[in-house]
Amino acid sequence: MIDLRLLREDPDRVRASQRARGEDVGLVDSLLSADERRRSSGVRFDELRSEQKALGKLIPKASGDEKAELLKKAGELAAAVKAANAEQDEADEETKRLLLRLGNLVHPDVPVGGEEDFVVLETHGTIRDFAAEGFEPKDHLELGQALGAIDVERAAKVSGSRFYYLTGVGALLELALVNAAIAQATEAGFTPMLTPALVRPHAMEGTGFLGQAAENVYHLEKDDFYLVGTSEVPLAAYHMDEIIDADKLPLRYAGFSPCFRREAGTYGKDTRGIFRVHQFDKVEMFSYVAPEDAQDEHKRLLDWEKQWLTALELPFQVIDVASGDLGASASRKYDCEAWIPTQGKYRELTSASNCDGFQARRLSVRMREDRDGKKHVQPLATLNGTLCAVPRTIVALLENHQLADGSVRVPEVLRPYLGGREILEPTAK
């Protein structure tokens, strides 16, 4: 959530952010009104309680009609205090409810617009000219089936559409990708983490996934657990309700977990193969930093993603995601999109988001530092970055590194994790 003081001091900035997101601008005025009721009812409650306490000291000293009158007034005050307390609680709850609906403030440099209004910042690698090589590229599913690596037909029989089995060399390829990604993250100073896939509502809400993204979240109603769509959720909640000393920052974690997404609103989109699925595994980077270090950390996360995709020898571009396509918790997001030959376009493989203090406020994660000889406590900043979303990475690897005979070349970075093999050979002709 955003800082209420900022909302009071500069509401126009918050309105502009909501407008850029394509969200309800009227929410800002509703929140300002609720906050004013919360503060005024708090003042009223304090005044009545003070009067009640003062009256309580007079009653023992009074007698006769005077005491009877004071007791009558005390009864009236007790009712007024109770009503003021209820009004304060109601206004406080309304303020919190509205505040949770408000997205993070969009960074001023973010391009304004919808999904297609991103700005390309960089392009890396060379797109292969398959026509010059004398063959038509196959898509990842055809390649994966020939390699004995992907089985979507049996997955559909067992679980339905948008599920898959990775079999044989496909399973080995996932393990190679995960091990190589964790190795890179560990070398960069991240602590490897295996995280829970089920979380309580506060963890999901605190991370910002029960607002606009709620339709894509799986909820187990009987137990009131949520299945995570990314290990960002348990990593963000790892230090909730904690105060971290500033000299221990940054804290960096690399989480590996299964991820679950309903993919609501994507009917008929990316239905072939394993590009858009309901369950997949992912390695996610997550950082806790001091607020003033957040922008530099954002660039570092992006650099680690670029290092990874370069090591996989994939052509890709980096985009600055437009305001209307940001998640609720991100103030700015960079995506790395790999070239997919059979689609003839770049598709998202990784993303890096700066959430500033938005998640930290909701989850009560704070930092403590010495300034001017005093201890100061404030929300810190959180950031996240995908390192390897396995199925999409496999899609890009198979299609970009395929050979004319249907085999697939293995990038050097993965060979140590695949027993040294350089080529994945078809098992069926």
Protein backbone atom coordinates (compact mmCIF):
# COMPACT_ATOMS: atom_id res chain seq x y z
CA MET A 1 0.00 0.00 0.00
CA ILE A 2 1.07 3.58 -0.45
CA ASP A 3 1.94 6.01 2.35
CA LEU A 4 -1.21 7.80 3.57
CA ARG A 5 0.82 10.94 4.26
CA LEU A 6 1.79 11.10 0.59
CA LEU A 7 -1.88 10.72 -0.35
CA ARG A 8 -2.83 13.67 1.85
CA GLU A 9 0.07 15.87 0.74
CA ASP A 10 -0.05 15.14 -3.00
CA PRO A 11 -3.39 13.58 -4.02
CA ASP A 12 -2.97 14.76 -7.61
CA ARG A 13 0.08 12.52 -7.99
CA VAL A 14 -1.97 9.54 -6.80
CA ARG A 15 -4.82 10.45 -9.15
CA ALA A 16 -2.36 10.67 -12.06
CA SER A 17 -0.99 7.24 -11.17
CA GLN A 18 -4.48 5.70 -11.08
CA ARG A 19 -5.29 7.36 -14.41
CA ALA A 20 -2.09 5.97 -15.97
CA ARG A 21 -3.00 2.49 -14.76
CA GLY A 22 -6.49 2.78 -16.22
CA GLU A 23 -7.89 2.34 -12.70
CA ASP A 24 -10.64 4.18 -10.80
CA VAL A 25 -9.48 7.76 -10.08
CA GLY A 26 -12.52 8.33 -7.82
CA LEU A 27 -11.00 5.82 -5.40
CA VAL A 28 -8.51 8.53 -4.37
CA ASP A 29 -11.24 10.92 -3.20
CA SER A 30 -13.12 8.11 -1.44
CA LEU A 31 -9.95 7.21 0.39
CA LEU A 32 -9.22 10.83 1.34
CA SER A 33 -12.75 11.14 2.74
CA ALA A 34 -12.44 7.89 4.71
CA ASP A 35 -9.07 8.96 6.08
CA GLU A 36 -10.49 12.29 7.20
CA ARG A 37 -13.38 10.50 8.99
CA ARG A 38 -10.87 8.14 10.60
CA ARG A 39 -8.75 10.99 11.95
CA SER A 40 -11.66 13.20 13.07
CA SER A 41 -13.43 10.30 14.79
CA GLY A 42 -10.16 9.48 16.53
CA VAL A 43 -9.90 13.04 17.83
CA ARG A 44 -13.55 12.93 18.96
CA PHE A 45 -12.98 9.63 20.77
CA ASP A 46 -9.90 10.99 22.56
CA GLU A 47 -11.78 14.11 23.68
CA LEU A 48 -14.69 12.09 25.06
CA ARG A 49 -12.36 9.65 26.85
CA SER A 50 -10.51 12.57 28.44
CA GLU A 51 -13.79 14.07 29.59
CA GLN A 52 -14.92 10.69 30.90
CA LYS A 53 -11.73 10.26 32.94
CA ALA A 54 -12.01 13.76 34.41
CA LEU A 55 -15.63 13.11 35.37
CA GLY A 56 -14.65 9.82 36.96
CA LYS A 57 -12.38 11.69 39.38
CA LEU A 58 -15.19 14.05 40.46
CA ILE A 59 -17.84 11.43 41.26
CA PRO A 60 -16.22 9.99 44.45
CA LYS A 61 -15.95 13.50 45.90
CA ALA A 62 -19.59 14.45 45.20
CA SER A 63 -22.73 13.67 47.17
CA GLY A 64 -26.48 14.03 47.00
CA ASP A 65 -28.05 15.65 43.95
CA GLU A 66 -24.66 16.65 42.60
CA LYS A 67 -23.48 13.03 42.59
CA ALA A 68 -26.70 11.86 40.97
CA GLU A 69 -26.26 14.46 38.23
CA LEU A 70 -22.62 13.43 37.69
CA LEU A 71 -23.60 9.75 37.50
CA LYS A 72 -26.26 10.58 34.92
CA LYS A 73 -23.71 12.50 32.87
CA ALA A 74 -21.25 9.62 33.24
CA GLY A 75 -23.81 7.24 31.74
CA GLU A 76 -24.37 9.56 28.81
CA LEU A 77 -20.61 9.92 28.31
CA ALA A 78 -20.12 6.14 28.37
CA ALA A 79 -22.67 5.77 25.58
CA ALA A 80 -21.01 8.57 23.60
CA VAL A 81 -17.56 7.03 24.07
CA LYS A 82 -18.86 3.66 22.87
CA ALA A 83 -20.44 5.24 19.80
CA ALA A 84 -17.30 7.26 19.02
CA ASN A 85 -15.16 4.13 19.35
CA ALA A 86 -17.44 2.25 16.96
CA GLU A 87 -17.33 5.14 14.49
CA GLN A 88 -13.53 5.24 14.71
CA ASP A 89 -13.25 1.49 14.10
CA GLU A 90 -15.65 1.68 11.16
CA ALA A 91 -13.74 4.57 9.56
CA ASP A 92 -10.43 2.79 10.16
CA GLU A 93 -11.70 -0.39 8.48
CA GLU A 94 -13.07 1.59 5.53
CA THR A 95 -9.73 3.37 5.12
CA LYS A 96 -7.82 0.08 5.15
CA ARG A 97 -10.26 -1.51 2.69
CA LEU A 98 -9.92 1.34 0.21
CA LEU A 99 -6.16 1.57 0.69
CA LEU A 100 -5.78 -2.10 -0.24
CA ARG A 101 -7.59 -1.41 -3.53
CA LEU A 102 -5.15 1.32 -4.53
CA GLY A 103 -2.24 0.31 -6.79
CA ASN A 104 1.35 1.36 -6.26
CA LEU A 105 2.41 4.77 -7.57
CA VAL A 106 3.60 4.47 -11.16
CA HIS A 107 7.18 5.64 -11.69
CA PRO A 108 7.21 8.92 -13.68
CA ASP A 109 9.40 7.41 -16.44
CA VAL A 110 7.03 4.52 -17.18
CA PRO A 111 5.41 4.77 -20.65
CA VAL A 112 1.69 5.48 -20.33
CA GLY A 113 -0.74 3.16 -22.07
CA GLY A 114 -1.88 -0.42 -22.39
CA GLU A 115 -0.28 -3.77 -23.15
CA GLU A 116 0.98 -2.74 -26.59
CA ASP A 117 2.39 0.63 -25.51
CA PHE A 118 5.68 -0.66 -24.11
CA VAL A 119 9.01 0.86 -25.11
CA VAL A 120 11.86 -1.31 -26.41
CA LEU A 121 15.02 -0.42 -24.48
CA GLU A 122 17.54 -2.95 -25.82
CA THR A 123 17.87 -5.81 -28.30
CA HIS A 124 20.36 -8.66 -27.87
CA GLY A 125 21.50 -11.58 -30.01
CA THR A 126 20.90 -12.46 -33.64
CA ILE A 127 17.67 -13.90 -35.00
CA ARG A 128 18.40 -16.98 -37.11
CA ASP A 129 17.49 -16.98 -40.79
CA PHE A 130 16.13 -20.52 -41.15
CA ALA A 131 15.36 -19.98 -44.85
CA ALA A 132 19.05 -19.30 -45.48
CA GLU A 133 19.84 -22.51 -43.62
CA GLY A 134 17.51 -24.40 -45.93
CA PHE A 135 14.72 -25.59 -43.65
CA GLU A 136 11.45 -24.51 -42.08
CA PRO A 137 11.60 -24.34 -38.26
CA LYS A 138 9.34 -26.67 -36.28
CA ASP A 139 7.45 -25.41 -33.26
CA HIS A 140 8.39 -26.46 -29.74
CA LEU A 141 5.62 -29.03 -29.40
CA GLU A 142 6.57 -30.90 -32.58
CA LEU A 143 10.22 -30.83 -31.53
CA GLY A 144 9.43 -31.84 -27.95
CA GLN A 145 7.29 -34.77 -29.03
CA ALA A 146 9.98 -36.01 -31.41
CA LEU A 147 12.56 -35.76 -28.62
CA GLY A 148 10.30 -37.70 -26.25
CA ALA A 149 10.37 -34.62 -24.02
CA ILE A 150 6.80 -33.25 -23.92
CA ASP A 151 3.46 -35.07 -23.60
CA VAL A 152 0.37 -32.85 -23.59
CA GLU A 153 -2.11 -35.47 -24.78
CA ARG A 154 -1.81 -37.66 -21.70
CA ALA A 155 -1.71 -34.55 -19.49
CA ALA A 156 -5.04 -33.48 -20.98
CA LYS A 157 -6.43 -36.94 -20.20
CA VAL A 158 -5.25 -36.70 -16.58
CA SER A 159 -5.68 -33.00 -15.76
CA GLY A 160 -7.29 -31.20 -18.72
CA SER A 161 -6.06 -28.52 -21.09
CA ARG A 162 -3.00 -26.34 -20.35
CA PHE A 163 -1.22 -29.11 -18.46
CA TYR A 164 1.79 -31.15 -19.61
CA TYR A 165 4.22 -33.90 -18.76
CA LEU A 166 7.95 -33.39 -19.23
CA THR A 167 9.33 -36.82 -19.99
CA GLY A 168 12.79 -38.27 -20.51
CA VAL A 169 15.13 -35.60 -21.77
CA GLY A 170 12.41 -32.99 -21.15
CA ALA A 171 12.51 -33.69 -17.42
CA LEU A 172 16.31 -33.64 -17.51
CA LEU A 173 16.22 -30.32 -19.36
CA GLU A 174 14.06 -28.76 -16.63
CA LEU A 175 16.45 -29.99 -13.93
CA ALA A 176 19.38 -28.64 -15.91
CA LEU A 177 17.74 -25.23 -16.27
CA VAL A 178 16.86 -25.03 -12.58
CA ASN A 179 20.32 -26.09 -11.44
CA ALA A 180 22.06 -23.68 -13.81
CA ALA A 181 19.76 -20.80 -12.78
CA ILE A 182 20.26 -21.49 -9.06
CA ALA A 183 24.03 -21.72 -9.65
CA GLN A 184 24.05 -18.28 -11.30
CA ALA A 185 21.89 -16.78 -8.54
CA THR A 186 24.04 -18.30 -5.80
CA GLU A 187 27.19 -16.94 -7.42
CA ALA A 188 25.54 -13.50 -7.47
CA GLY A 189 24.94 -13.71 -3.71
CA PHE A 190 21.35 -14.95 -3.53
CA THR A 191 20.36 -17.46 -0.86
CA PRO A 192 18.63 -20.45 -2.51
CA MET A 193 15.14 -21.14 -1.12
CA LEU A 194 12.55 -23.88 -1.57
CA THR A 195 9.30 -22.15 -0.70
CA PRO A 196 5.73 -23.21 0.24
CA ALA A 197 3.23 -23.43 -2.59
CA LEU A 198 0.28 -22.89 -0.23
CA VAL A 199 -0.04 -19.60 1.64
CA ARG A 200 -2.54 -17.94 3.96
CA PRO A 201 -4.74 -15.06 2.75
CA HIS A 202 -2.65 -12.35 4.42
CA ALA A 203 0.47 -13.41 2.52
CA MET A 204 -1.37 -13.35 -0.82
CA GLU A 205 -3.17 -10.09 -0.12
CA GLY A 206 -0.07 -8.46 1.32
CA THR A 207 1.90 -9.18 -1.84
CA GLY A 208 -0.82 -7.56 -3.95
CA PHE A 209 -2.32 -10.59 -5.70
CA LEU A 210 -5.90 -10.42 -4.42
CA GLY A 211 -6.80 -7.22 -6.27
CA GLN A 212 -6.77 -7.09 -10.06
CA ALA A 213 -4.91 -10.43 -10.24
CA ALA A 214 -7.38 -12.34 -8.03
CA GLU A 215 -9.13 -13.98 -10.99
CA ASN A 216 -5.94 -15.89 -11.79
CA VAL A 217 -5.37 -17.19 -8.26
CA TYR A 218 -6.43 -20.68 -7.15
CA HIS A 219 -8.20 -20.63 -3.76
CA LEU A 220 -8.75 -23.76 -1.63
CA GLU A 221 -11.88 -22.61 0.16
CA LYS A 222 -12.17 -25.52 2.60
CA ASP A 223 -8.76 -24.78 4.13
CA ASP A 224 -8.55 -21.06 3.19
CA PHE A 225 -5.21 -21.49 1.47
CA TYR A 226 -4.06 -19.98 -1.82
CA LEU A 227 -1.85 -21.70 -4.38
CA VAL A 228 0.95 -19.31 -5.31
CA GLY A 229 1.40 -18.12 -8.88
CA THR A 230 5.03 -17.28 -8.13
CA SER A 231 7.46 -17.78 -5.23
CA GLU A 232 7.46 -13.97 -4.99
CA VAL A 233 4.53 -14.43 -2.59
CA PRO A 234 6.19 -16.62 0.07
CA LEU A 235 9.48 -14.74 -0.39
CA ALA A 236 7.79 -11.36 0.18
CA ALA A 237 6.01 -12.75 3.25
CA TYR A 238 9.13 -14.46 4.62
CA HIS A 239 10.00 -11.44 6.77
CA MET A 240 6.47 -10.12 7.42
CA ASP A 241 5.95 -8.52 10.83
CA GLU A 242 9.73 -8.21 11.24
CA ILE A 243 12.15 -5.31 11.68
CA ILE A 244 15.47 -5.77 9.87
CA ASP A 245 18.58 -3.81 10.75
CA ALA A 246 19.67 -1.63 7.84
CA ASP A 247 23.24 -2.95 7.97
CA LYS A 248 21.91 -6.43 7.06
CA LEU A 249 20.48 -5.18 3.77
CA PRO A 250 20.29 -6.09 0.98
CA LEU A 251 18.76 -9.51 1.58
CA ARG A 252 18.53 -11.53 -1.63
CA TYR A 253 16.72 -14.85 -2.08
CA ALA A 254 16.36 -17.15 -5.09
CA GLY A 255 13.18 -19.17 -4.69
CA PHE A 256 12.32 -22.34 -6.60
CA SER A 257 8.69 -23.42 -6.50
CA PRO A 258 5.77 -24.79 -8.46
CA CYS A 259 3.48 -22.00 -9.69
CA PHE A 260 -0.26 -22.18 -10.37
CA ARG A 261 -2.29 -19.79 -12.52
CA ARG A 262 -5.89 -20.03 -13.68
CA GLU A 263 -5.09 -18.07 -16.87
CA ALA A 264 -8.53 -16.49 -16.74
CA GLY A 265 -9.30 -14.29 -19.71
CA THR A 266 -6.91 -16.13 -22.05
CA TYR A 267 -9.43 -18.44 -23.72
CA GLY A 268 -8.11 -19.45 -27.14
CA LYS A 269 -4.74 -17.78 -26.52
CA ASP A 270 -1.50 -19.84 -26.67
CA THR A 271 -3.43 -23.09 -26.48
CA ARG A 272 -0.83 -25.17 -28.34
CA GLY A 273 2.05 -26.63 -26.38
CA ILE A 274 3.43 -25.41 -23.07
CA PHE A 275 3.83 -21.66 -23.46
CA ARG A 276 0.77 -20.74 -21.34
CA VAL A 277 -0.09 -23.39 -18.73
CA HIS A 278 -1.83 -23.76 -15.37
CA GLN A 279 1.13 -25.27 -13.50
CA PHE A 280 4.86 -24.74 -13.98
CA ASP A 281 8.12 -24.42 -12.08
CA LYS A 282 10.10 -21.21 -11.77
CA VAL A 283 13.25 -19.75 -10.24
CA GLU A 284 12.51 -16.27 -8.86
CA MET A 285 14.90 -13.65 -7.51
CA PHE A 286 13.69 -11.51 -4.62
CA SER A 287 15.40 -8.57 -2.89
CA TYR A 288 14.83 -6.58 0.29
CA VAL A 289 16.71 -3.26 0.12
CA ALA A 290 16.73 0.23 1.63
CA PRO A 291 14.27 2.53 -0.23
CA GLU A 292 17.04 4.69 -1.66
CA ASP A 293 18.68 1.61 -3.23
CA ALA A 294 15.57 0.27 -4.97
CA GLN A 295 16.15 1.73 -8.45
CA ASP A 296 19.74 0.50 -8.58
CA GLU A 297 18.65 -2.94 -7.40
CA HIS A 298 16.01 -2.99 -10.13
CA LYS A 299 18.71 -2.53 -12.75
CA ARG A 300 20.83 -5.24 -11.12
CA LEU A 301 17.95 -7.72 -11.31
CA LEU A 302 17.52 -6.88 -14.98
CA ASP A 303 21.25 -7.37 -15.57
CA TRP A 304 21.12 -10.84 -13.99
CA GLU A 305 18.20 -11.75 -16.23
CA LYS A 306 20.09 -10.51 -19.29
CA GLN A 307 23.13 -12.53 -18.19
CA TRP A 308 20.98 -15.65 -17.96
CA LEU A 309 19.31 -15.28 -21.37
CA THR A 310 22.67 -14.46 -22.96
CA ALA A 311 24.15 -17.62 -21.45
CA LEU A 312 21.26 -19.59 -22.98
CA GLU A 313 22.23 -18.02 -26.35
CA LEU A 314 18.72 -16.68 -26.97
CA PRO A 315 17.92 -13.55 -28.99
CA PHE A 316 15.84 -11.24 -26.83
CA GLN A 317 14.67 -7.68 -26.29
CA VAL A 318 14.17 -5.67 -23.09
CA ILE A 319 11.00 -3.61 -22.77
CA ASP A 320 9.80 -0.94 -20.35
CA VAL A 321 6.28 -2.17 -19.57
CA ALA A 322 3.50 0.40 -20.00
CA SER A 323 1.54 1.71 -17.01
CA GLY A 324 -1.70 -0.10 -17.81
CA ASP A 325 0.08 -3.46 -17.94
CA LEU A 326 1.81 -3.19 -14.55
CA GLY A 327 0.76 -5.42 -11.68
CA ALA A 328 -0.82 -3.62 -8.73
CA SER A 329 2.35 -3.81 -6.63
CA ALA A 330 4.90 -2.67 -9.25
CA SER A 331 5.89 0.95 -9.77
CA ARG A 332 7.97 -0.07 -12.78
CA LYS A 333 8.61 -3.34 -14.62
CA TYR A 334 11.10 -4.48 -17.23
CA ASP A 335 10.38 -7.59 -19.31
CA CYS A 336 12.88 -9.65 -21.27
CA GLU A 337 11.18 -11.15 -24.31
CA ALA A 338 12.82 -13.97 -26.26
CA TRP A 339 12.37 -14.43 -29.99
CA ILE A 340 10.09 -17.38 -30.82
CA PRO A 341 10.82 -18.37 -34.46
CA THR A 342 7.53 -20.08 -35.32
CA GLN A 343 5.53 -17.16 -33.90
CA GLY A 344 7.73 -14.57 -35.60
CA LYS A 345 7.76 -12.32 -32.55
CA TYR A 346 9.27 -11.72 -29.13
CA ARG A 347 7.45 -13.22 -26.13
CA GLU A 348 7.92 -12.60 -22.42
CA LEU A 349 10.36 -14.92 -20.64
CA THR A 350 11.35 -12.89 -17.58
CA SER A 351 10.25 -9.77 -15.76
CA ALA A 352 11.78 -7.57 -13.07
CA SER A 353 9.58 -5.37 -10.88
CA ASN A 354 10.32 -2.61 -8.41
CA CYS A 355 7.62 -2.56 -5.73
CA ASP A 356 9.22 0.17 -3.57
CA GLY A 357 7.57 0.08 -0.11
CA PHE A 358 4.16 -1.11 -1.39
CA GLN A 359 4.43 -4.76 -0.30
CA ALA A 360 6.51 -3.95 2.79
CA ARG A 361 3.77 -1.70 4.19
CA ARG A 362 1.08 -4.31 3.62
CA LEU A 363 3.21 -7.07 5.18
CA SER A 364 4.76 -4.89 7.90
CA VAL A 365 8.37 -5.48 6.88
CA ARG A 366 10.48 -2.62 8.19
CA MET A 367 14.10 -1.57 8.47
CA ARG A 368 15.81 0.01 11.46
CA GLU A 369 18.72 2.42 11.13
CA ASP A 370 20.62 4.95 13.25
CA ARG A 371 20.23 8.58 12.20
CA ASP A 372 21.25 11.58 14.27
CA GLY A 373 21.92 9.32 17.21
CA LYS A 374 18.36 7.94 17.17
CA LYS A 375 16.76 4.70 15.97
CA HIS A 376 14.48 5.17 12.97
CA VAL A 377 12.08 2.50 11.70
CA GLN A 378 10.45 2.65 8.26
CA PRO A 379 9.21 0.33 5.51
CA LEU A 380 11.96 -1.02 3.27
CA ALA A 381 11.65 -1.75 -0.48
CA THR A 382 11.03 -5.10 -2.17
CA LEU A 383 11.82 -6.17 -5.73
CA ASN A 384 11.38 -9.36 -7.70
CA GLY A 385 12.71 -10.77 -10.94
CA THR A 386 12.06 -13.99 -12.81
CA LEU A 387 15.24 -15.85 -13.61
CA CYS A 388 13.81 -18.97 -15.23
CA ALA A 389 10.15 -19.77 -15.93
CA VAL A 390 10.80 -23.33 -17.05
CA PRO A 391 8.22 -24.14 -19.75
CA ARG A 392 8.57 -20.84 -21.62
CA THR A 393 12.34 -21.17 -21.47
CA ILE A 394 12.11 -24.68 -22.92
CA VAL A 395 9.90 -23.31 -25.71
CA ALA A 396 12.54 -20.71 -26.60
CA LEU A 397 15.44 -23.16 -26.33
CA LEU A 398 13.91 -25.84 -28.53
CA GLU A 399 12.82 -23.46 -31.26
CA ASN A 400 15.96 -21.30 -31.39
CA HIS A 401 18.49 -24.13 -31.15
CA GLN A 402 16.81 -26.69 -33.42
CA LEU A 403 18.71 -28.31 -36.27
CA ALA A 404 17.45 -29.42 -39.67
CA ASP A 405 17.15 -33.09 -38.64
CA GLY A 406 14.90 -32.29 -35.66
CA SER A 407 17.64 -32.50 -33.06
CA VAL A 408 18.38 -29.57 -30.72
CA ARG A 409 21.74 -28.08 -29.79
CA VAL A 410 22.37 -27.66 -26.06
CA PRO A 411 23.84 -24.27 -24.97
CA GLU A 412 27.17 -24.64 -23.22
CA VAL A 413 25.86 -23.34 -19.89
CA LEU A 414 23.50 -26.34 -19.62
CA ARG A 415 25.87 -29.10 -20.77
CA PRO A 416 27.42 -29.79 -17.34
CA TYR A 417 23.90 -30.43 -16.01
CA LEU A 418 23.01 -32.77 -18.87
CA GLY A 419 25.94 -35.16 -18.55
CA GLY A 420 27.96 -33.18 -21.07
CA ARG A 421 25.65 -33.86 -23.99
CA GLU A 422 25.79 -31.28 -26.77
CA ILE A 423 22.81 -32.44 -28.84
CA LEU A 424 19.32 -33.67 -27.92
CA GLU A 425 18.43 -36.38 -30.42
CA PRO A 426 14.90 -37.34 -31.58
CA THR A 427 13.69 -40.63 -30.21
CA ALA A 428 11.07 -41.11 -32.91
CA LYS A 429 11.30 -40.37 -36.62
